[in-house]
Amino acid sequence: MGRWLALRSFGLALGLMFASGAFLSCSHCAVVGEASTRETVLCGVPSMGRIVGGTDAQSGQWPWQVNLNFDGHHVCGGTLITPQWLVTAAHCFPPVNPIDRYEVTLGAFQLKNPTPDIVVKQVVQVIKHPEFTDDEGSKGDIALVKLKESVPYTRTIRPVCVPASSVSFPKGMKCTVTGWGNVLTSTSLPSPMTLQQLEVPIIGMDTCKCLYNRNPDPEDPHVLHDDMLCAGFAEGKKDACQGDSGGPLSCRVGNAWVLAGVVSWGDACGAPNRPGVYIRTSAYSDWIKENIPEVELSEVKPNVEPVSEEDWIKNTVGEVDEGTCSTAPTLLFPPWILVACWFLPYIFGTG
């Protein structure tokens, strides 16, 4: 079976730096604090200075990360985009689960050690994308969740920026996936369940398809649709796992963080040739705007040079096991044989 509830979170994330300023505007900016110390909250900007990240995140480092609970148990992650709406994976809401038994925890850091500044809200509406089919790896695995009441923005509760449909994230760009998922396929995150972070590079779709075609399971085929995005490592070991579906893949553009993807699925946890698969947020930006008019979509352009796919393949994929995901055509015969065959008619006077 594949991995449906997905954020595989092990391995160290590299150092992350946050700037106190912001260059993106958003319609859901809010005022936080008393009149004498009020500040404007912009999407994608934590209220923190420089952070050197590791496996454990720090309190307030990812203030848009939310915890989705069903009957009091953590089931998925999610991302706050306005005071009353969040984005998550559609498969986090199977038809058998009544909506009124879900709750959302905002501002959480350690799930087993809640602090006084966390906020818990009930869910009143879930809008799944109409293309979602409840099948593992389905297209359209994205859902919008409306909270019963709006939440005030604080140091630990802030929205992420939502990219416009024109925004793309280049191959090789390093982004960060966060969540409270398993640390191994069958091993839960140990108490106090500290929020995990992992820096992963974006992988081109052609390369990702090639990786998933290596040693495929005929009984469990994997289809990568055009609304998906891959990120991770060909060698595995660092990945997402069960329990973090719906969580954010956040990419820093300038001084703010943008929601590049929503954790959707994968095959096992940290297995070679099986990077994490995310729903590409920009593919559904217009749909999000239609349902949540107050969202302002961010027109940003990541200033990152895309990594050569061939170099990436040569440096990573080819070292995993035999065979490579070469972008060049494969020759069945040595080149000299092909050349000799081309000249044979002329040699024997039949050309």
Protein backbone atom coordinates (compact mmCIF):
# COMPACT_ATOMS: atom_id res chain seq x y z
CA MET A 1 0.00 0.00 0.00
CA GLY A 2 1.04 3.54 -0.50
CA ARG A 3 1.16 6.21 2.12
CA TRP A 4 -2.08 8.25 2.20
CA LEU A 5 -1.75 10.19 5.44
CA ALA A 6 1.55 11.54 4.56
CA LEU A 7 4.13 13.83 6.24
CA ARG A 8 7.29 11.83 6.77
CA SER A 9 9.30 13.96 9.17
CA PHE A 10 12.75 12.78 10.03
CA GLY A 11 16.24 14.13 9.43
CA LEU A 12 17.59 17.55 10.26
CA ALA A 13 16.36 20.68 8.57
CA LEU A 14 19.01 23.17 7.58
CA GLY A 15 19.31 26.63 9.14
CA LEU A 16 16.44 28.98 8.40
CA MET A 17 16.53 32.74 8.58
CA PHE A 18 13.49 34.94 9.04
CA ALA A 19 13.45 38.66 8.36
CA SER A 20 11.35 40.96 10.53
CA GLY A 21 10.16 42.98 7.54
CA ALA A 22 7.72 41.98 4.82
CA PHE A 23 7.35 42.64 1.14
CA LEU A 24 4.03 40.93 0.49
CA SER A 25 0.64 42.39 1.20
CA CYS A 26 -2.49 40.44 2.00
CA SER A 27 -6.12 41.31 2.41
CA HIS A 28 -6.26 39.47 5.73
CA CYS A 29 -3.67 41.62 7.45
CA ALA A 30 -4.69 42.29 11.03
CA VAL A 31 -3.65 44.37 14.00
CA VAL A 32 -2.16 42.51 16.94
CA GLY A 33 -1.54 43.67 20.50
CA GLU A 34 -2.46 46.69 22.59
CA ALA A 35 -2.81 50.14 21.07
CA SER A 36 0.63 51.18 22.26
CA THR A 37 2.39 48.15 20.73
CA ARG A 38 0.18 47.29 17.77
CA GLU A 39 1.72 45.78 14.68
CA THR A 40 0.35 44.88 11.29
CA VAL A 41 0.44 41.16 10.54
CA LEU A 42 1.35 40.25 6.98
CA CYS A 43 0.95 36.79 5.54
CA GLY A 44 3.93 34.48 5.71
CA VAL A 45 5.94 36.48 8.23
CA PRO A 46 6.57 34.97 11.68
CA SER A 47 7.17 37.39 14.55
CA MET A 48 10.68 36.07 15.08
CA GLY A 49 14.29 36.92 14.34
CA ARG A 50 17.04 34.60 13.11
CA ILE A 51 16.39 30.88 13.70
CA VAL A 52 18.80 27.97 13.21
CA GLY A 53 16.52 24.98 12.65
CA GLY A 54 16.95 21.36 13.55
CA THR A 55 14.55 18.43 13.80
CA ASP A 56 12.47 20.28 16.39
CA ALA A 57 10.91 23.56 15.38
CA GLN A 58 10.62 26.42 17.85
CA SER A 59 7.46 27.90 19.26
CA GLY A 60 6.04 30.47 16.84
CA GLN A 61 8.38 29.49 14.02
CA TRP A 62 5.55 28.22 11.78
CA PRO A 63 2.49 30.13 13.05
CA TRP A 64 0.28 29.07 10.12
CA GLN A 65 0.64 25.36 10.97
CA VAL A 66 -2.54 23.99 12.55
CA ASN A 67 -3.44 20.64 14.08
CA LEU A 68 -6.58 18.89 12.86
CA ASN A 69 -8.22 16.56 15.41
CA PHE A 70 -11.01 14.01 15.10
CA ASP A 71 -12.61 12.83 18.35
CA GLY A 72 -9.72 14.43 20.21
CA HIS A 73 -6.99 12.64 18.25
CA HIS A 74 -4.51 14.21 15.83
CA VAL A 75 -5.26 13.11 12.26
CA CYS A 76 -3.84 15.77 9.93
CA GLY A 77 -2.10 19.08 9.59
CA GLY A 78 -3.42 22.21 7.95
CA THR A 79 -2.47 25.78 7.07
CA LEU A 80 -4.14 28.99 8.19
CA ILE A 81 -4.79 31.43 5.31
CA THR A 82 -7.36 33.84 6.85
CA PRO A 83 -8.73 34.38 10.37
CA GLN A 84 -11.52 31.84 9.69
CA TRP A 85 -10.23 29.56 6.90
CA LEU A 86 -7.51 26.99 6.49
CA VAL A 87 -6.24 24.70 3.72
CA THR A 88 -5.71 20.98 4.17
CA ALA A 89 -5.98 17.69 2.27
CA ALA A 90 -9.41 16.47 1.18
CA HIS A 91 -8.64 12.91 2.27
CA CYS A 92 -8.44 14.11 5.87
CA PHE A 93 -12.25 14.12 5.78
CA PRO A 94 -13.43 10.63 4.79
CA PRO A 95 -17.21 10.41 4.23
CA VAL A 96 -17.69 8.26 7.37
CA ASN A 97 -16.36 11.02 9.66
CA PRO A 98 -18.99 13.57 10.78
CA ILE A 99 -17.72 17.13 10.39
CA ASP A 100 -18.98 18.18 13.83
CA ARG A 101 -16.49 15.82 15.51
CA TYR A 102 -13.48 17.72 14.14
CA GLU A 103 -11.58 20.43 15.99
CA VAL A 104 -8.67 22.62 14.96
CA THR A 105 -5.87 23.61 17.33
CA LEU A 106 -4.04 26.81 16.40
CA GLY A 107 -0.82 28.14 17.89
CA ALA A 108 0.23 24.65 18.98
CA PHE A 109 3.87 23.68 19.33
CA GLN A 110 3.99 20.59 21.53
CA LEU A 111 0.72 18.70 21.27
CA LYS A 112 1.19 16.91 24.60
CA ASN A 113 2.29 20.07 26.38
CA PRO A 114 -0.28 22.74 25.46
CA THR A 115 0.42 26.33 26.37
CA PRO A 116 -2.10 28.99 27.47
CA ASP A 117 -1.90 30.78 24.11
CA ILE A 118 -3.30 27.93 22.00
CA VAL A 119 -6.76 28.32 20.47
CA VAL A 120 -9.18 25.46 19.74
CA LYS A 121 -12.02 25.97 17.26
CA GLN A 122 -14.75 23.74 15.89
CA VAL A 123 -15.15 23.08 12.19
CA VAL A 124 -18.41 24.25 10.61
CA GLN A 125 -17.77 23.69 6.90
CA VAL A 126 -15.47 21.65 4.68
CA ILE A 127 -15.24 22.29 0.94
CA LYS A 128 -13.50 19.49 -0.94
CA HIS A 129 -12.38 20.10 -4.49
CA PRO A 130 -14.90 18.49 -6.87
CA GLU A 131 -12.18 16.48 -8.65
CA PHE A 132 -11.31 14.57 -5.47
CA THR A 133 -12.53 10.97 -5.56
CA ASP A 134 -11.63 9.57 -2.09
CA ASP A 135 -9.10 7.28 -3.77
CA GLU A 136 -5.49 7.19 -2.66
CA GLY A 137 -3.42 9.53 -4.81
CA SER A 138 -6.50 11.22 -6.24
CA LYS A 139 -6.29 14.45 -8.16
CA GLY A 140 -7.77 17.45 -6.34
CA ASP A 141 -6.70 16.30 -2.85
CA ILE A 142 -7.29 19.72 -1.33
CA ALA A 143 -9.98 21.06 1.00
CA LEU A 144 -10.94 24.39 2.55
CA VAL A 145 -12.00 24.33 6.19
CA LYS A 146 -14.09 27.05 7.83
CA LEU A 147 -13.79 27.57 11.58
CA LYS A 148 -16.79 28.33 13.76
CA GLU A 149 -15.32 31.72 14.69
CA SER A 150 -12.48 33.84 13.43
CA VAL A 151 -9.23 33.69 15.39
CA PRO A 152 -7.18 36.75 16.39
CA TYR A 153 -3.66 36.83 15.05
CA THR A 154 -0.98 36.53 17.72
CA ARG A 155 2.72 35.73 17.91
CA THR A 156 1.94 32.03 17.40
CA ILE A 157 -1.11 32.31 15.09
CA ARG A 158 -0.53 33.94 11.71
CA PRO A 159 -1.48 33.20 8.09
CA VAL A 160 0.75 32.04 5.27
CA CYS A 161 0.71 33.67 1.82
CA VAL A 162 -1.29 31.95 -0.92
CA PRO A 163 0.40 31.99 -4.35
CA ALA A 164 -1.42 33.15 -7.46
CA SER A 165 -1.99 30.66 -10.28
CA SER A 166 0.98 32.09 -12.21
CA VAL A 167 3.49 31.29 -9.45
CA SER A 168 5.81 28.32 -9.89
CA PHE A 169 8.61 27.02 -7.72
CA PRO A 170 11.74 25.96 -9.64
CA LYS A 171 13.47 22.61 -9.44
CA GLY A 172 16.03 22.55 -6.67
CA MET A 173 14.41 25.30 -4.61
CA LYS A 174 14.59 24.39 -0.94
CA CYS A 175 11.35 24.58 0.99
CA THR A 176 10.24 23.33 4.41
CA VAL A 177 7.58 20.78 5.31
CA THR A 178 6.25 20.78 8.87
CA GLY A 179 3.99 18.63 11.01
CA TRP A 180 3.43 16.18 13.86
CA GLY A 181 3.48 12.98 11.78
CA ASN A 182 5.19 9.66 12.44
CA VAL A 183 8.97 9.57 12.60
CA LEU A 184 8.95 6.10 11.02
CA THR A 185 6.24 4.17 9.19
CA SER A 186 4.87 2.64 12.41
CA THR A 187 6.46 4.93 15.01
CA SER A 188 4.57 7.92 16.35
CA LEU A 189 6.27 11.18 17.20
CA PRO A 190 7.28 10.76 20.87
CA SER A 191 5.87 12.89 23.66
CA PRO A 192 5.65 15.87 24.04
CA MET A 193 5.09 15.70 20.24
CA THR A 194 7.12 18.74 19.26
CA LEU A 195 6.37 20.20 15.84
CA GLN A 196 8.87 18.83 13.29
CA GLN A 197 10.45 20.62 10.35
CA LEU A 198 12.37 19.30 7.36
CA GLU A 199 13.98 21.19 4.50
CA VAL A 200 13.40 19.47 1.14
CA PRO A 201 14.28 20.44 -2.46
CA ILE A 202 11.64 20.68 -5.19
CA ILE A 203 11.97 17.83 -7.71
CA GLY A 204 10.96 18.23 -11.35
CA MET A 205 7.88 16.25 -12.38
CA ASP A 206 9.71 14.25 -15.08
CA THR A 207 12.31 13.12 -12.58
CA CYS A 208 9.65 12.36 -9.98
CA LYS A 209 7.72 10.19 -12.42
CA CYS A 210 10.93 8.40 -13.31
CA LEU A 211 11.67 7.70 -9.64
CA TYR A 212 8.21 6.29 -9.02
CA ASN A 213 8.59 4.06 -12.08
CA ARG A 214 11.64 2.37 -10.60
CA ASN A 215 10.75 -1.04 -9.12
CA PRO A 216 7.01 -0.33 -9.29
CA ASP A 217 4.42 -2.47 -7.54
CA PRO A 218 1.97 -3.65 -10.24
CA GLU A 219 -0.77 -4.00 -7.60
CA ASP A 220 -0.24 -0.48 -6.25
CA PRO A 221 0.47 1.82 -9.21
CA HIS A 222 1.21 5.49 -8.57
CA VAL A 223 -0.03 8.19 -10.92
CA LEU A 224 1.36 11.70 -10.74
CA HIS A 225 -1.20 14.25 -11.94
CA ASP A 226 -0.55 17.74 -13.25
CA ASP A 227 -1.82 19.33 -10.01
CA MET A 228 0.94 17.66 -7.99
CA LEU A 229 4.44 18.67 -6.93
CA CYS A 230 7.29 16.50 -5.65
CA ALA A 231 9.87 17.36 -3.02
CA GLY A 232 12.40 15.26 -1.17
CA PHE A 233 15.42 13.05 -1.74
CA ALA A 234 16.03 10.18 -4.15
CA GLU A 235 17.92 8.26 -1.47
CA GLY A 236 15.00 8.55 0.93
CA LYS A 237 15.64 8.67 4.72
CA LYS A 238 14.24 12.20 5.05
CA ASP A 239 10.57 12.46 4.27
CA ALA A 240 7.00 12.86 5.50
CA CYS A 241 4.87 10.13 7.07
CA GLN A 242 1.42 9.12 8.32
CA GLY A 243 -0.31 11.84 10.31
CA ASP A 244 0.83 14.99 8.50
CA SER A 245 -1.35 15.01 5.43
CA GLY A 246 -2.79 18.43 4.76
CA GLY A 247 0.19 20.19 6.30
CA PRO A 248 2.13 22.94 4.52
CA LEU A 249 5.11 22.88 2.22
CA SER A 250 6.30 26.44 2.82
CA CYS A 251 8.75 28.17 0.49
CA ARG A 252 10.44 31.42 1.41
CA VAL A 253 10.28 34.11 -1.26
CA GLY A 254 11.96 37.34 -0.24
CA ASN A 255 10.97 38.07 3.35
CA ALA A 256 7.81 35.98 3.48
CA TRP A 257 6.74 32.36 3.25
CA VAL A 258 4.38 31.12 0.53
CA LEU A 259 2.27 27.93 0.58
CA ALA A 260 3.76 25.95 -2.32
CA GLY A 261 2.06 22.67 -1.55
CA VAL A 262 -0.25 20.60 0.64
CA VAL A 263 1.04 17.23 1.90
CA SER A 264 -0.90 14.56 0.02
CA TRP A 265 0.66 11.11 -0.43
CA GLY A 266 3.73 8.97 -0.96
CA ASP A 267 4.91 5.35 -0.93
CA ALA A 268 6.12 4.20 2.50
CA CYS A 269 8.11 6.64 4.63
CA GLY A 270 11.60 7.62 3.57
CA ALA A 271 11.88 4.84 0.99
CA PRO A 272 14.44 5.28 -1.83
CA ASN A 273 13.06 6.64 -5.11
CA ARG A 274 9.81 7.70 -3.44
CA PRO A 275 9.85 11.45 -2.66
CA GLY A 276 6.90 13.16 -1.04
CA VAL A 277 4.01 14.21 -3.26
CA TYR A 278 2.11 17.43 -2.60
CA ILE A 279 -0.88 19.14 -4.13
CA ARG A 280 0.43 22.23 -5.93
CA THR A 281 -1.41 25.15 -4.30
CA SER A 282 -1.13 27.47 -7.29
CA ALA A 283 -3.12 24.95 -9.35
CA TYR A 284 -6.11 25.76 -7.13
CA SER A 285 -5.53 29.44 -6.39
CA ASP A 286 -8.52 30.58 -8.43
CA TRP A 287 -10.74 27.96 -6.79
CA ILE A 288 -9.58 29.13 -3.34
CA LYS A 289 -10.34 32.74 -4.29
CA GLU A 290 -13.82 31.80 -5.52
CA ASN A 291 -14.69 30.21 -2.21
CA ILE A 292 -12.83 32.65 0.04
CA PRO A 293 -13.06 36.09 -1.65
CA GLU A 294 -11.14 37.82 1.15
CA VAL A 295 -7.95 35.91 0.29
CA GLU A 296 -5.46 38.03 -1.62
CA LEU A 297 -3.32 35.92 -3.91
CA SER A 298 0.39 36.73 -3.87
CA GLU A 299 2.06 37.41 -7.22
CA VAL A 300 5.62 36.43 -6.41
CA LYS A 301 8.59 35.20 -8.41
CA PRO A 302 11.11 33.01 -6.61
CA ASN A 303 14.58 34.32 -7.34
CA VAL A 304 16.17 30.89 -7.58
CA GLU A 305 18.03 29.44 -10.53
CA PRO A 306 16.53 26.05 -11.40
CA VAL A 307 18.83 23.10 -10.91
CA SER A 308 19.80 21.11 -13.99
CA GLU A 309 17.73 17.94 -13.99
CA GLU A 310 20.58 15.93 -15.52
CA ASP A 311 23.05 17.11 -12.87
CA TRP A 312 20.55 16.30 -10.13
CA ILE A 313 20.02 12.83 -11.57
CA LYS A 314 23.76 12.23 -11.92
CA ASN A 315 24.50 13.35 -8.36
CA THR A 316 21.63 11.64 -6.56
CA VAL A 317 19.48 9.19 -8.44
CA GLY A 318 22.30 7.25 -10.04
CA GLU A 319 23.83 6.55 -6.64
CA VAL A 320 20.76 4.87 -5.21
CA ASP A 321 20.75 1.59 -7.11
CA GLU A 322 21.38 0.22 -10.57
CA GLY A 323 19.94 2.17 -13.46
CA THR A 324 19.37 5.87 -13.82
CA CYS A 325 16.53 8.21 -14.71
CA SER A 326 18.43 9.65 -17.65
CA THR A 327 16.70 12.34 -19.68
CA ALA A 328 18.65 11.25 -22.77
CA PRO A 329 17.30 8.46 -25.03
CA THR A 330 18.62 5.00 -24.23
CA LEU A 331 20.50 3.25 -27.07
CA LEU A 332 19.98 -0.48 -27.43
CA PHE A 333 23.30 -0.89 -29.30
CA PRO A 334 26.71 0.80 -29.04
CA PRO A 335 26.96 3.91 -31.25
CA TRP A 336 29.65 2.36 -33.53
CA ILE A 337 27.27 -0.46 -34.48
CA LEU A 338 24.58 2.02 -35.46
CA VAL A 339 27.07 3.99 -37.59
CA ALA A 340 28.36 0.80 -39.27
CA CYS A 341 24.82 -0.28 -40.10
CA TRP A 342 24.13 3.11 -41.66
CA PHE A 343 27.17 2.74 -43.98
CA LEU A 344 26.64 -0.93 -44.90
CA PRO A 345 24.47 -0.26 -47.98
CA TYR A 346 27.15 2.00 -49.41
CA ILE A 347 29.92 -0.48 -48.64
CA PHE A 348 28.14 -3.25 -50.56
CA GLY A 349 27.01 -0.97 -53.33
CA THR A 350 23.30 -1.13 -52.52
CA GLY A 351 22.99 2.42 -51.16
